[in-house]
Amino acid sequence: MVPGRAADEIDGLRRALGSTEVARIAPHVTLVPPVNVRDEDVQTAADLVRSVAAGSAPLAVVLGPAATFWPANPVCYLAVAADAAAADAAASDRVAADPAGLGSLASRLAAGPLAPPPKRRTRPFVPHVTINQRMPPELIESAVRLLSSYRTPVVFQRVTLLEFSERERRWLTASDAQLGASVVVGRGGFEIELSVSSQLDPAGADWASRAWGEYSLEQYGDTIRPDEPYVITARLSGQIGGIAEGEVKGATCRLARLVVAPQWRRHGVGAQLLRATERLAAERGCRRVRLEALAGGRAEGFYEEKGYQVVASVPQHREERDFVVMERAIEAV
């Protein structure tokens, strides 16, 4: 997956070129084309990704300029090239500058449950980031010329296994693995292998759920309520205007995010979402709604007007900025 701000920038290019896939999949370099995997083999696929990633260093590359597969295919894409400067700057981190490393990853990943079907036609591996896979042919030449000077350096640090959600009609992360060998600590006694990822793979998620359940039973007894996630969506004329989401944790309803679309701010949408959160909290037997807000920011003032009080300060909580914890008491229904 293209990391950070480069992904946002490329999404801008995708929208400008009329791509209909922006909401379905994030900018990425495809290493293995989509393949059906049995449910019982998903963990095997995740293990394969982790094993292959451990044998490769992070890759410093440049994305761009634009190119196309036309006339074979009406795809407009960003090429992937070596970035010697970025590799030199990251030499201490053992970053590989050869984009052919992507080809090596692709060949090693196309095995086991991720192997292509026997009848699939093989094509040469061309590392690229698609910006429109169904470009009107008459616009392709102009788009490629317009983006002929586009370049953006990135460092790929991980490999991601995606799974298509039929319910949401988009690609979601199933698991991921950091490029590079895992850290092994504890030598001299027993070795502990530490690996970093953005989320747990299926086996890890199952283990964590069971282990946390056993711990909670030991610490709190069998009366503890499991965390209950919630999302409240506000729609105006069929379009999403804002969301409130969080989780109910026993007697506390935590509001993790309240976001309102810019065009609907100061129209009462945020207040309605907050009231709906409080109603949900009351219905589920909570005694309080709790949230974090930027200290001295507009959000703190908004919540203060709605009856929330500061109960704690959290210095340098995010981006080195101070936050406050705010609460409002709720009467359970």
C-alpha atoms as a PDB file:
ATOM      1  CA  MET A   1       0.000   0.000   0.000  1.00  0.00           C
ATOM      2  CA  VAL A   2       1.278   3.492  -0.846  1.00  0.00           C
ATOM      3  CA  PRO A   3       2.058   5.096   2.540  1.00  0.00           C
ATOM      4  CA  GLY A   4       1.112   8.415   4.132  1.00  0.00           C
ATOM      5  CA  ARG A   5       0.696  11.670   2.282  1.00  0.00           C
ATOM      6  CA  ALA A   6       1.717  10.133  -1.039  1.00  0.00           C
ATOM      7  CA  ALA A   7      -1.475   8.040  -0.895  1.00  0.00           C
ATOM      8  CA  ASP A   8      -3.591  11.169  -0.353  1.00  0.00           C
ATOM      9  CA  GLU A   9      -1.877  12.897  -3.260  1.00  0.00           C
ATOM     10  CA  ILE A  10      -2.373   9.937  -5.583  1.00  0.00           C
ATOM     11  CA  ASP A  11      -6.029   9.694  -4.577  1.00  0.00           C
ATOM     12  CA  GLY A  12      -6.313  13.307  -5.756  1.00  0.00           C
ATOM     13  CA  LEU A  13      -4.904  12.269  -9.132  1.00  0.00           C
ATOM     14  CA  ARG A  14      -7.310   9.347  -9.275  1.00  0.00           C
ATOM     15  CA  ARG A  15     -10.292  11.610  -8.657  1.00  0.00           C
ATOM     16  CA  ALA A  16      -9.042  14.126 -11.220  1.00  0.00           C
ATOM     17  CA  LEU A  17      -8.835  11.351 -13.833  1.00  0.00           C
ATOM     18  CA  GLY A  18     -12.320  10.091 -12.999  1.00  0.00           C
ATOM     19  CA  SER A  19     -11.422   6.813 -11.288  1.00  0.00           C
ATOM     20  CA  THR A  20     -14.423   5.012  -9.797  1.00  0.00           C
ATOM     21  CA  GLU A  21     -12.220   2.829  -7.560  1.00  0.00           C
ATOM     22  CA  VAL A  22     -11.098   5.441  -5.008  1.00  0.00           C
ATOM     23  CA  ALA A  23     -13.582   4.284  -2.355  1.00  0.00           C
ATOM     24  CA  ARG A  24     -13.014   0.589  -3.130  1.00  0.00           C
ATOM     25  CA  ILE A  25      -9.250   0.281  -2.781  1.00  0.00           C
ATOM     26  CA  ALA A  26      -6.380   2.505  -1.613  1.00  0.00           C
ATOM     27  CA  PRO A  27      -3.356   3.311  -3.847  1.00  0.00           C
ATOM     28  CA  HIS A  28      -1.113   0.255  -4.063  1.00  0.00           C
ATOM     29  CA  VAL A  29       1.267  -1.872  -6.090  1.00  0.00           C
ATOM     30  CA  THR A  30      -0.337  -5.240  -6.850  1.00  0.00           C
ATOM     31  CA  LEU A  31       2.084  -8.091  -6.153  1.00  0.00           C
ATOM     32  CA  VAL A  32      -0.415 -10.943  -6.517  1.00  0.00           C
ATOM     33  CA  PRO A  33      -3.597 -10.485  -8.619  1.00  0.00           C
ATOM     34  CA  PRO A  34      -6.902 -11.347  -6.885  1.00  0.00           C
ATOM     35  CA  VAL A  35      -7.335 -15.055  -6.204  1.00  0.00           C
ATOM     36  CA  ASN A  36     -10.011 -17.026  -4.349  1.00  0.00           C
ATOM     37  CA  VAL A  37      -8.812 -18.387  -0.995  1.00  0.00           C
ATOM     38  CA  ARG A  38     -10.771 -20.835   1.151  1.00  0.00           C
ATOM     39  CA  ASP A  39     -11.672 -19.597   4.623  1.00  0.00           C
ATOM     40  CA  GLU A  40      -9.568 -22.336   6.208  1.00  0.00           C
ATOM     41  CA  ASP A  41      -6.542 -21.226   4.147  1.00  0.00           C
ATOM     42  CA  VAL A  42      -6.602 -17.514   5.044  1.00  0.00           C
ATOM     43  CA  GLN A  43      -4.211 -18.014   7.953  1.00  0.00           C
ATOM     44  CA  THR A  44      -1.854 -19.973   5.684  1.00  0.00           C
ATOM     45  CA  ALA A  45      -1.889 -17.019   3.278  1.00  0.00           C
ATOM     46  CA  ALA A  46      -1.131 -14.622   6.141  1.00  0.00           C
ATOM     47  CA  ASP A  47       1.753 -16.844   7.279  1.00  0.00           C
ATOM     48  CA  LEU A  48       3.138 -16.858   3.726  1.00  0.00           C
ATOM     49  CA  VAL A  49       3.016 -13.037   3.563  1.00  0.00           C
ATOM     50  CA  ARG A  50       4.821 -12.760   6.899  1.00  0.00           C
ATOM     51  CA  SER A  51       7.484 -15.281   5.874  1.00  0.00           C
ATOM     52  CA  VAL A  52       8.189 -13.625   2.516  1.00  0.00           C
ATOM     53  CA  ALA A  53       8.220 -10.133   4.032  1.00  0.00           C
ATOM     54  CA  ALA A  54      10.771 -11.216   6.640  1.00  0.00           C
ATOM     55  CA  GLY A  55      13.219 -12.080   3.850  1.00  0.00           C
ATOM     56  CA  SER A  56      13.068  -8.674   2.151  1.00  0.00           C
ATOM     57  CA  ALA A  57      14.288  -5.210   3.104  1.00  0.00           C
ATOM     58  CA  PRO A  58      12.083  -2.107   2.825  1.00  0.00           C
ATOM     59  CA  LEU A  59      12.071  -0.664  -0.707  1.00  0.00           C
ATOM     60  CA  ALA A  60      12.789   2.978  -1.565  1.00  0.00           C
ATOM     61  CA  VAL A  61      11.273   3.866  -4.955  1.00  0.00           C
ATOM     62  CA  VAL A  62       9.909   6.755  -6.990  1.00  0.00           C
ATOM     63  CA  LEU A  63       6.332   6.632  -8.251  1.00  0.00           C
ATOM     64  CA  GLY A  64       5.900   8.320 -11.641  1.00  0.00           C
ATOM     65  CA  PRO A  65       5.722   9.426 -14.327  1.00  0.00           C
ATOM     66  CA  ALA A  66       2.330   8.387 -15.715  1.00  0.00           C
ATOM     67  CA  ALA A  67       2.152   5.647 -18.325  1.00  0.00           C
ATOM     68  CA  THR A  68      -0.469   3.391 -19.898  1.00  0.00           C
ATOM     69  CA  PHE A  69      -1.087  -0.173 -21.057  1.00  0.00           C
ATOM     70  CA  TRP A  70      -3.184   1.105 -23.964  1.00  0.00           C
ATOM     71  CA  PRO A  71      -4.029  -0.257 -26.549  1.00  0.00           C
ATOM     72  CA  ALA A  72      -3.879  -3.620 -24.750  1.00  0.00           C
ATOM     73  CA  ASN A  73      -5.776  -2.188 -21.750  1.00  0.00           C
ATOM     74  CA  PRO A  74      -7.212   1.312 -21.022  1.00  0.00           C
ATOM     75  CA  VAL A  75      -5.224   1.619 -17.789  1.00  0.00           C
ATOM     76  CA  CYS A  76      -3.442   4.825 -16.777  1.00  0.00           C
ATOM     77  CA  TYR A  77      -0.837   4.250 -14.064  1.00  0.00           C
ATOM     78  CA  LEU A  78       2.226   5.595 -12.276  1.00  0.00           C
ATOM     79  CA  ALA A  79       5.449   3.768 -13.071  1.00  0.00           C
ATOM     80  CA  VAL A  80       7.736   2.506 -10.282  1.00  0.00           C
ATOM     81  CA  ALA A  81      11.435   3.385 -10.570  1.00  0.00           C
ATOM     82  CA  ALA A  82      14.535   3.088  -8.390  1.00  0.00           C
ATOM     83  CA  ASP A  83      15.209   5.971  -6.041  1.00  0.00           C
ATOM     84  CA  ALA A  84      18.949   6.004  -5.433  1.00  0.00           C
ATOM     85  CA  ALA A  85      18.832   9.231  -3.420  1.00  0.00           C
ATOM     86  CA  ALA A  86      16.231   7.878  -1.026  1.00  0.00           C
ATOM     87  CA  ALA A  87      18.163   4.647  -0.703  1.00  0.00           C
ATOM     88  CA  ASP A  88      21.381   6.517   0.130  1.00  0.00           C
ATOM     89  CA  ALA A  89      19.581   8.572   2.761  1.00  0.00           C
ATOM     90  CA  ALA A  90      18.179   5.414   4.339  1.00  0.00           C
ATOM     91  CA  ALA A  91      21.295   3.270   3.937  1.00  0.00           C
ATOM     92  CA  SER A  92      21.617   2.916   7.689  1.00  0.00           C
ATOM     93  CA  ASP A  93      18.190   1.254   7.681  1.00  0.00           C
ATOM     94  CA  ARG A  94      19.246  -1.176   4.940  1.00  0.00           C
ATOM     95  CA  VAL A  95      16.641   0.090   2.469  1.00  0.00           C
ATOM     96  CA  ALA A  96      16.940  -1.546  -0.956  1.00  0.00           C
ATOM     97  CA  ALA A  97      16.861   0.838  -3.948  1.00  0.00           C
ATOM     98  CA  ASP A  98      16.137  -1.770  -6.598  1.00  0.00           C
ATOM     99  CA  PRO A  99      12.450  -1.797  -7.634  1.00  0.00           C
ATOM    100  CA  ALA A 100      13.090  -5.276  -9.019  1.00  0.00           C
ATOM    101  CA  GLY A 101      12.755  -6.258  -5.373  1.00  0.00           C
ATOM    102  CA  LEU A 102       9.020  -5.910  -5.937  1.00  0.00           C
ATOM    103  CA  GLY A 103       9.266  -8.528  -8.660  1.00  0.00           C
ATOM    104  CA  SER A 104      11.064 -10.857  -6.273  1.00  0.00           C
ATOM    105  CA  LEU A 105       8.339 -10.341  -3.681  1.00  0.00           C
ATOM    106  CA  ALA A 106       5.662 -11.011  -6.296  1.00  0.00           C
ATOM    107  CA  SER A 107       7.217 -14.299  -7.445  1.00  0.00           C
ATOM    108  CA  ARG A 108       7.688 -15.591  -3.886  1.00  0.00           C
ATOM    109  CA  LEU A 109       4.151 -14.636  -2.842  1.00  0.00           C
ATOM    110  CA  ALA A 110       2.488 -16.382  -5.801  1.00  0.00           C
ATOM    111  CA  ALA A 111       2.522 -19.739  -4.016  1.00  0.00           C
ATOM    112  CA  GLY A 112       0.290 -21.916  -1.851  1.00  0.00           C
ATOM    113  CA  PRO A 113      -3.161 -20.366  -1.379  1.00  0.00           C
ATOM    114  CA  LEU A 114      -2.059 -17.238  -3.300  1.00  0.00           C
ATOM    115  CA  ALA A 115      -0.893 -19.147  -6.381  1.00  0.00           C
ATOM    116  CA  PRO A 116      -2.701 -18.132  -9.594  1.00  0.00           C
ATOM    117  CA  PRO A 117      -5.334 -20.525 -10.991  1.00  0.00           C
ATOM    118  CA  PRO A 118      -3.829 -22.973 -13.518  1.00  0.00           C
ATOM    119  CA  LYS A 119      -5.790 -21.507 -16.438  1.00  0.00           C
ATOM    120  CA  ARG A 120      -4.968 -17.843 -15.707  1.00  0.00           C
ATOM    121  CA  ARG A 121      -2.924 -16.262 -18.480  1.00  0.00           C
ATOM    122  CA  THR A 122       0.500 -15.171 -17.271  1.00  0.00           C
ATOM    123  CA  ARG A 123       1.673 -11.618 -17.930  1.00  0.00           C
ATOM    124  CA  PRO A 124       5.047  -9.960 -17.342  1.00  0.00           C
ATOM    125  CA  PHE A 125       5.210  -8.309 -13.917  1.00  0.00           C
ATOM    126  CA  VAL A 126       5.155  -4.514 -14.323  1.00  0.00           C
ATOM    127  CA  PRO A 127       5.190  -2.782 -10.908  1.00  0.00           C
ATOM    128  CA  HIS A 128       2.802   0.166 -11.065  1.00  0.00           C
ATOM    129  CA  VAL A 129       0.189   2.151  -9.151  1.00  0.00           C
ATOM    130  CA  THR A 130      -3.102   2.326 -11.051  1.00  0.00           C
ATOM    131  CA  ILE A 131      -4.718   5.776 -11.194  1.00  0.00           C
ATOM    132  CA  ASN A 132      -7.563   4.827 -13.552  1.00  0.00           C
ATOM    133  CA  GLN A 133      -8.134   1.284 -14.741  1.00  0.00           C
ATOM    134  CA  ARG A 134     -10.947   2.203 -17.172  1.00  0.00           C
ATOM    135  CA  MET A 135      -9.695   5.420 -18.740  1.00  0.00           C
ATOM    136  CA  PRO A 136     -11.640   6.665 -21.790  1.00  0.00           C
ATOM    137  CA  PRO A 137      -9.196   5.893 -24.637  1.00  0.00           C
ATOM    138  CA  GLU A 138      -9.507   9.371 -26.118  1.00  0.00           C
ATOM    139  CA  LEU A 139      -8.244  10.908 -22.845  1.00  0.00           C
ATOM    140  CA  ILE A 140      -5.299   8.584 -22.167  1.00  0.00           C
ATOM    141  CA  GLU A 141      -2.675  10.414 -24.235  1.00  0.00           C
ATOM    142  CA  SER A 142      -3.566  13.777 -22.660  1.00  0.00           C
ATOM    143  CA  ALA A 143      -3.489  12.345 -19.120  1.00  0.00           C
ATOM    144  CA  VAL A 144      -0.081  10.725 -19.645  1.00  0.00           C
ATOM    145  CA  ARG A 145       1.315  13.944 -21.098  1.00  0.00           C
ATOM    146  CA  LEU A 146      -0.145  16.057 -18.281  1.00  0.00           C
ATOM    147  CA  LEU A 147       1.521  13.838 -15.641  1.00  0.00           C
ATOM    148  CA  SER A 148       4.791  13.341 -17.505  1.00  0.00           C
ATOM    149  CA  SER A 149       6.699  15.318 -14.842  1.00  0.00           C
ATOM    150  CA  TYR A 150       4.998  13.775 -11.821  1.00  0.00           C
ATOM    151  CA  ARG A 151       7.321  12.067  -9.320  1.00  0.00           C
ATOM    152  CA  THR A 152       6.902  11.203  -5.661  1.00  0.00           C
ATOM    153  CA  PRO A 153       9.386   9.170  -3.567  1.00  0.00           C
ATOM    154  CA  VAL A 154       8.061   6.564  -1.159  1.00  0.00           C
ATOM    155  CA  VAL A 155       9.473   3.779   0.988  1.00  0.00           C
ATOM    156  CA  PHE A 156       7.448   0.583   1.135  1.00  0.00           C
ATOM    157  CA  GLN A 157       7.796  -0.772   4.668  1.00  0.00           C
ATOM    158  CA  ARG A 158       5.248  -3.598   4.661  1.00  0.00           C
ATOM    159  CA  VAL A 159       3.264  -6.068   2.582  1.00  0.00           C
ATOM    160  CA  THR A 160      -0.517  -6.116   3.012  1.00  0.00           C
ATOM    161  CA  LEU A 161      -2.941  -8.970   2.411  1.00  0.00           C
ATOM    162  CA  LEU A 162      -6.286  -7.582   1.236  1.00  0.00           C
ATOM    163  CA  GLU A 163      -9.676  -9.275   1.334  1.00  0.00           C
ATOM    164  CA  PHE A 164     -12.680  -8.156  -0.717  1.00  0.00           C
ATOM    165  CA  SER A 165     -15.763  -7.488   1.415  1.00  0.00           C
ATOM    166  CA  GLU A 166     -18.937  -8.380  -0.466  1.00  0.00           C
ATOM    167  CA  ARG A 167     -20.993  -6.526   2.131  1.00  0.00           C
ATOM    168  CA  GLU A 168     -19.051  -3.253   1.859  1.00  0.00           C
ATOM    169  CA  ARG A 169     -18.019  -3.760  -1.783  1.00  0.00           C
ATOM    170  CA  ARG A 170     -14.438  -2.734  -1.115  1.00  0.00           C
ATOM    171  CA  TRP A 171     -11.015  -4.186  -0.269  1.00  0.00           C
ATOM    172  CA  LEU A 172     -10.139  -4.362   3.432  1.00  0.00           C
ATOM    173  CA  THR A 173      -6.904  -5.293   5.203  1.00  0.00           C
ATOM    174  CA  ALA A 174      -6.903  -8.937   6.288  1.00  0.00           C
ATOM    175  CA  SER A 175      -3.343  -8.844   7.675  1.00  0.00           C
ATOM    176  CA  ASP A 176       0.006  -7.213   7.004  1.00  0.00           C
ATOM    177  CA  ALA A 177       3.681  -7.836   7.674  1.00  0.00           C
ATOM    178  CA  GLN A 178       6.674  -5.544   8.018  1.00  0.00           C
ATOM    179  CA  LEU A 179       9.445  -5.936   5.460  1.00  0.00           C
ATOM    180  CA  GLY A 180      12.627  -7.110   7.133  1.00  0.00           C
ATOM    181  CA  ALA A 181      13.548  -9.787   9.638  1.00  0.00           C
ATOM    182  CA  SER A 182      11.671  -9.912  12.933  1.00  0.00           C
ATOM    183  CA  VAL A 183      13.452  -8.708  16.061  1.00  0.00           C
ATOM    184  CA  VAL A 184      14.645 -11.530  18.286  1.00  0.00           C
ATOM    185  CA  VAL A 185      15.293 -10.719  21.943  1.00  0.00           C
ATOM    186  CA  GLY A 186      16.049 -12.725  25.056  1.00  0.00           C
ATOM    187  CA  ARG A 187      19.087 -14.544  23.714  1.00  0.00           C
ATOM    188  CA  GLY A 188      20.824 -16.584  26.391  1.00  0.00           C
ATOM    189  CA  GLY A 189      17.544 -17.766  27.868  1.00  0.00           C
ATOM    190  CA  PHE A 190      14.745 -18.410  25.416  1.00  0.00           C
ATOM    191  CA  GLU A 191      14.337 -16.402  22.211  1.00  0.00           C
ATOM    192  CA  ILE A 192      11.329 -14.110  21.711  1.00  0.00           C
ATOM    193  CA  GLU A 193      10.490 -13.061  18.158  1.00  0.00           C
ATOM    194  CA  LEU A 194       8.810  -9.643  17.904  1.00  0.00           C
ATOM    195  CA  SER A 195       7.007  -8.553  14.731  1.00  0.00           C
ATOM    196  CA  VAL A 196       5.145  -5.317  13.996  1.00  0.00           C
ATOM    197  CA  SER A 197       1.905  -5.063  11.993  1.00  0.00           C
ATOM    198  CA  SER A 198      -1.066  -2.737  11.740  1.00  0.00           C
ATOM    199  CA  GLN A 199      -3.500  -5.436  12.873  1.00  0.00           C
ATOM    200  CA  LEU A 200      -3.627  -9.040  13.998  1.00  0.00           C
ATOM    201  CA  ASP A 201      -3.886 -11.888  11.515  1.00  0.00           C
ATOM    202  CA  PRO A 202      -6.805 -14.351  11.984  1.00  0.00           C
ATOM    203  CA  ALA A 203      -4.858 -16.661  14.312  1.00  0.00           C
ATOM    204  CA  GLY A 204      -3.596 -13.725  16.368  1.00  0.00           C
ATOM    205  CA  ALA A 205      -7.069 -12.181  16.618  1.00  0.00           C
ATOM    206  CA  ASP A 206      -8.548 -15.506  17.776  1.00  0.00           C
ATOM    207  CA  TRP A 207      -5.797 -15.971  20.380  1.00  0.00           C
ATOM    208  CA  ALA A 208      -6.154 -12.383  21.663  1.00  0.00           C
ATOM    209  CA  SER A 209      -9.925 -12.729  22.010  1.00  0.00           C
ATOM    210  CA  ARG A 210      -9.621 -15.934  24.013  1.00  0.00           C
ATOM    211  CA  ALA A 211      -6.701 -14.704  26.148  1.00  0.00           C
ATOM    212  CA  TRP A 212      -8.389 -11.394  26.951  1.00  0.00           C
ATOM    213  CA  GLY A 213     -11.603 -13.208  27.843  1.00  0.00           C
ATOM    214  CA  GLU A 214      -9.736 -15.454  30.275  1.00  0.00           C
ATOM    215  CA  TYR A 215      -7.916 -12.460  31.793  1.00  0.00           C
ATOM    216  CA  SER A 216     -11.156 -10.490  32.196  1.00  0.00           C
ATOM    217  CA  LEU A 217     -12.850 -13.453  33.859  1.00  0.00           C
ATOM    218  CA  GLU A 218      -9.927 -13.791  36.267  1.00  0.00           C
ATOM    219  CA  GLN A 219      -9.770 -10.089  37.118  1.00  0.00           C
ATOM    220  CA  TYR A 220     -13.431  -9.050  37.108  1.00  0.00           C
ATOM    221  CA  GLY A 221     -15.481 -12.223  37.414  1.00  0.00           C
ATOM    222  CA  ASP A 222     -18.246 -13.424  35.132  1.00  0.00           C
ATOM    223  CA  THR A 223     -20.365 -10.253  35.433  1.00  0.00           C
ATOM    224  CA  ILE A 224     -18.187  -8.078  33.188  1.00  0.00           C
ATOM    225  CA  ARG A 225     -19.826  -6.882  29.977  1.00  0.00           C
ATOM    226  CA  PRO A 226     -17.896  -7.240  26.718  1.00  0.00           C
ATOM    227  CA  ASP A 227     -17.004  -4.019  24.902  1.00  0.00           C
ATOM    228  CA  GLU A 228     -19.753  -3.028  22.482  1.00  0.00           C
ATOM    229  CA  PRO A 229     -18.651  -0.950  19.461  1.00  0.00           C
ATOM    230  CA  TYR A 230     -21.170   1.446  17.919  1.00  0.00           C
ATOM    231  CA  VAL A 231     -21.402   3.796  14.949  1.00  0.00           C
ATOM    232  CA  ILE A 232     -24.100   6.447  14.461  1.00  0.00           C
ATOM    233  CA  THR A 233     -24.386   7.886  10.950  1.00  0.00           C
ATOM    234  CA  ALA A 234     -26.141  11.148  10.035  1.00  0.00           C
ATOM    235  CA  ARG A 235     -27.426  11.389   6.455  1.00  0.00           C
ATOM    236  CA  LEU A 236     -28.851  14.436   4.732  1.00  0.00           C
ATOM    237  CA  SER A 237     -30.682  13.926   1.432  1.00  0.00           C
ATOM    238  CA  GLY A 238     -29.175  10.451   1.290  1.00  0.00           C
ATOM    239  CA  GLN A 239     -25.591  11.673   1.680  1.00  0.00           C
ATOM    240  CA  ILE A 240     -23.426  11.094   4.767  1.00  0.00           C
ATOM    241  CA  GLY A 241     -23.123  14.311   6.735  1.00  0.00           C
ATOM    242  CA  GLY A 242     -21.362  13.028   9.831  1.00  0.00           C
ATOM    243  CA  ILE A 243     -20.615  10.065  12.087  1.00  0.00           C
ATOM    244  CA  ALA A 244     -20.143   9.338  15.782  1.00  0.00           C
ATOM    245  CA  GLU A 245     -18.365   6.148  16.804  1.00  0.00           C
ATOM    246  CA  GLY A 246     -16.867   4.536  19.852  1.00  0.00           C
ATOM    247  CA  GLU A 247     -17.546   1.682  22.236  1.00  0.00           C
ATOM    248  CA  VAL A 248     -19.521   0.954  25.390  1.00  0.00           C
ATOM    249  CA  LYS A 249     -17.163  -0.233  28.116  1.00  0.00           C
ATOM    250  CA  GLY A 250     -19.231  -1.310  31.110  1.00  0.00           C
ATOM    251  CA  ALA A 251     -20.751   1.803  32.655  1.00  0.00           C
ATOM    252  CA  THR A 252     -18.792   4.142  30.351  1.00  0.00           C
ATOM    253  CA  CYS A 253     -19.686   5.045  26.790  1.00  0.00           C
ATOM    254  CA  ARG A 254     -16.537   6.263  25.054  1.00  0.00           C
ATOM    255  CA  LEU A 255     -17.000   8.635  22.123  1.00  0.00           C
ATOM    256  CA  ALA A 256     -13.883   8.008  20.030  1.00  0.00           C
ATOM    257  CA  ARG A 257     -14.738  10.192  17.005  1.00  0.00           C
ATOM    258  CA  LEU A 258     -17.388  12.724  16.061  1.00  0.00           C
ATOM    259  CA  VAL A 259     -16.898  14.052  12.534  1.00  0.00           C
ATOM    260  CA  VAL A 260     -19.202  16.354  10.526  1.00  0.00           C
ATOM    261  CA  ALA A 261     -18.806  17.201   6.837  1.00  0.00           C
ATOM    262  CA  PRO A 262     -17.586  20.806   6.345  1.00  0.00           C
ATOM    263  CA  GLN A 263     -20.747  21.913   4.522  1.00  0.00           C
ATOM    264  CA  TRP A 264     -22.955  20.745   7.407  1.00  0.00           C
ATOM    265  CA  ARG A 265     -21.026  22.237  10.309  1.00  0.00           C
ATOM    266  CA  ARG A 266     -22.911  24.814  12.400  1.00  0.00           C
ATOM    267  CA  HIS A 267     -26.210  23.285  11.250  1.00  0.00           C
ATOM    268  CA  GLY A 268     -26.788  21.199  14.381  1.00  0.00           C
ATOM    269  CA  VAL A 269     -25.573  17.894  12.906  1.00  0.00           C
ATOM    270  CA  GLY A 270     -22.846  17.474  15.529  1.00  0.00           C
ATOM    271  CA  ALA A 271     -25.284  18.258  18.351  1.00  0.00           C
ATOM    272  CA  GLN A 272     -27.735  15.656  17.049  1.00  0.00           C
ATOM    273  CA  LEU A 273     -24.996  13.036  16.796  1.00  0.00           C
ATOM    274  CA  LEU A 274     -23.901  13.813  20.357  1.00  0.00           C
ATOM    275  CA  ARG A 275     -27.467  13.551  21.657  1.00  0.00           C
ATOM    276  CA  ALA A 276     -27.912  10.256  19.838  1.00  0.00           C
ATOM    277  CA  THR A 277     -24.718   8.987  21.494  1.00  0.00           C
ATOM    278  CA  GLU A 278     -26.050   9.968  24.904  1.00  0.00           C
ATOM    279  CA  ARG A 279     -29.377   8.232  24.227  1.00  0.00           C
ATOM    280  CA  LEU A 280     -27.539   5.079  23.183  1.00  0.00           C
ATOM    281  CA  ALA A 281     -25.425   5.281  26.349  1.00  0.00           C
ATOM    282  CA  ALA A 282     -28.526   5.590  28.517  1.00  0.00           C
ATOM    283  CA  GLU A 283     -30.256   2.697  26.757  1.00  0.00           C
ATOM    284  CA  ARG A 284     -27.226   0.474  27.353  1.00  0.00           C
ATOM    285  CA  GLY A 285     -27.065   1.285  31.042  1.00  0.00           C
ATOM    286  CA  CYS A 286     -24.046   3.618  31.018  1.00  0.00           C
ATOM    287  CA  ARG A 287     -23.476   6.203  33.735  1.00  0.00           C
ATOM    288  CA  ARG A 288     -21.287   8.552  31.699  1.00  0.00           C
ATOM    289  CA  VAL A 289     -20.094   9.526  28.207  1.00  0.00           C
ATOM    290  CA  ARG A 290     -16.347  10.108  28.003  1.00  0.00           C
ATOM    291  CA  LEU A 291     -14.216  11.608  25.204  1.00  0.00           C
ATOM    292  CA  GLU A 292     -10.885  13.296  24.464  1.00  0.00           C
ATOM    293  CA  ALA A 293     -10.559  16.738  22.859  1.00  0.00           C
ATOM    294  CA  LEU A 294      -7.732  19.103  21.940  1.00  0.00           C
ATOM    295  CA  ALA A 295      -7.050  21.370  24.920  1.00  0.00           C
ATOM    296  CA  GLY A 296      -8.280  24.880  24.174  1.00  0.00           C
ATOM    297  CA  GLY A 297      -9.656  23.877  20.785  1.00  0.00           C
ATOM    298  CA  ARG A 298     -13.091  24.428  19.290  1.00  0.00           C
ATOM    299  CA  ALA A 299     -14.125  20.874  20.155  1.00  0.00           C
ATOM    300  CA  GLU A 300     -13.496  21.482  23.861  1.00  0.00           C
ATOM    301  CA  GLY A 301     -15.713  24.554  23.721  1.00  0.00           C
ATOM    302  CA  PHE A 302     -18.423  22.667  21.836  1.00  0.00           C
ATOM    303  CA  TYR A 303     -18.553  19.854  24.378  1.00  0.00           C
ATOM    304  CA  GLU A 304     -18.412  22.287  27.288  1.00  0.00           C
ATOM    305  CA  GLU A 305     -21.537  24.003  25.927  1.00  0.00           C
ATOM    306  CA  LYS A 306     -23.241  20.603  25.876  1.00  0.00           C
ATOM    307  CA  GLY A 307     -22.573  19.982  29.564  1.00  0.00           C
ATOM    308  CA  TYR A 308     -19.250  18.133  29.453  1.00  0.00           C
ATOM    309  CA  GLN A 309     -16.599  18.818  32.092  1.00  0.00           C
ATOM    310  CA  VAL A 310     -12.831  18.345  32.015  1.00  0.00           C
ATOM    311  CA  VAL A 311     -11.855  15.504  34.338  1.00  0.00           C
ATOM    312  CA  ALA A 312      -8.208  15.012  33.326  1.00  0.00           C
ATOM    313  CA  SER A 313      -5.420  16.443  31.192  1.00  0.00           C
ATOM    314  CA  VAL A 314      -3.270  14.405  28.802  1.00  0.00           C
ATOM    315  CA  PRO A 315      -0.058  16.287  27.916  1.00  0.00           C
ATOM    316  CA  GLN A 316       1.404  15.725  24.427  1.00  0.00           C
ATOM    317  CA  HIS A 317      -1.303  13.188  23.632  1.00  0.00           C
ATOM    318  CA  ARG A 318      -1.223  13.570  19.843  1.00  0.00           C
ATOM    319  CA  GLU A 319       1.189  15.385  17.527  1.00  0.00           C
ATOM    320  CA  GLU A 320       2.874  16.722  20.711  1.00  0.00           C
ATOM    321  CA  ARG A 321      -0.292  18.653  21.582  1.00  0.00           C
ATOM    322  CA  ASP A 322      -2.152  18.599  24.884  1.00  0.00           C
ATOM    323  CA  PHE A 323      -5.605  17.021  25.170  1.00  0.00           C
ATOM    324  CA  VAL A 324      -8.265  16.913  27.852  1.00  0.00           C
ATOM    325  CA  VAL A 325     -10.559  14.089  28.940  1.00  0.00           C
ATOM    326  CA  MET A 326     -14.183  15.246  29.231  1.00  0.00           C
ATOM    327  CA  GLU A 327     -17.231  13.548  30.715  1.00  0.00           C
ATOM    328  CA  ARG A 328     -20.931  14.037  31.152  1.00  0.00           C
ATOM    329  CA  ALA A 329     -23.066  12.042  33.578  1.00  0.00           C
ATOM    330  CA  ILE A 330     -25.909  10.041  32.034  1.00  0.00           C
ATOM    331  CA  GLU A 331     -29.035   8.663  33.677  1.00  0.00           C
ATOM    332  CA  ALA A 332     -29.561   5.080  32.577  1.00  0.00           C
ATOM    333  CA  VAL A 333     -32.960   4.179  31.162  1.00  0.00           C
END
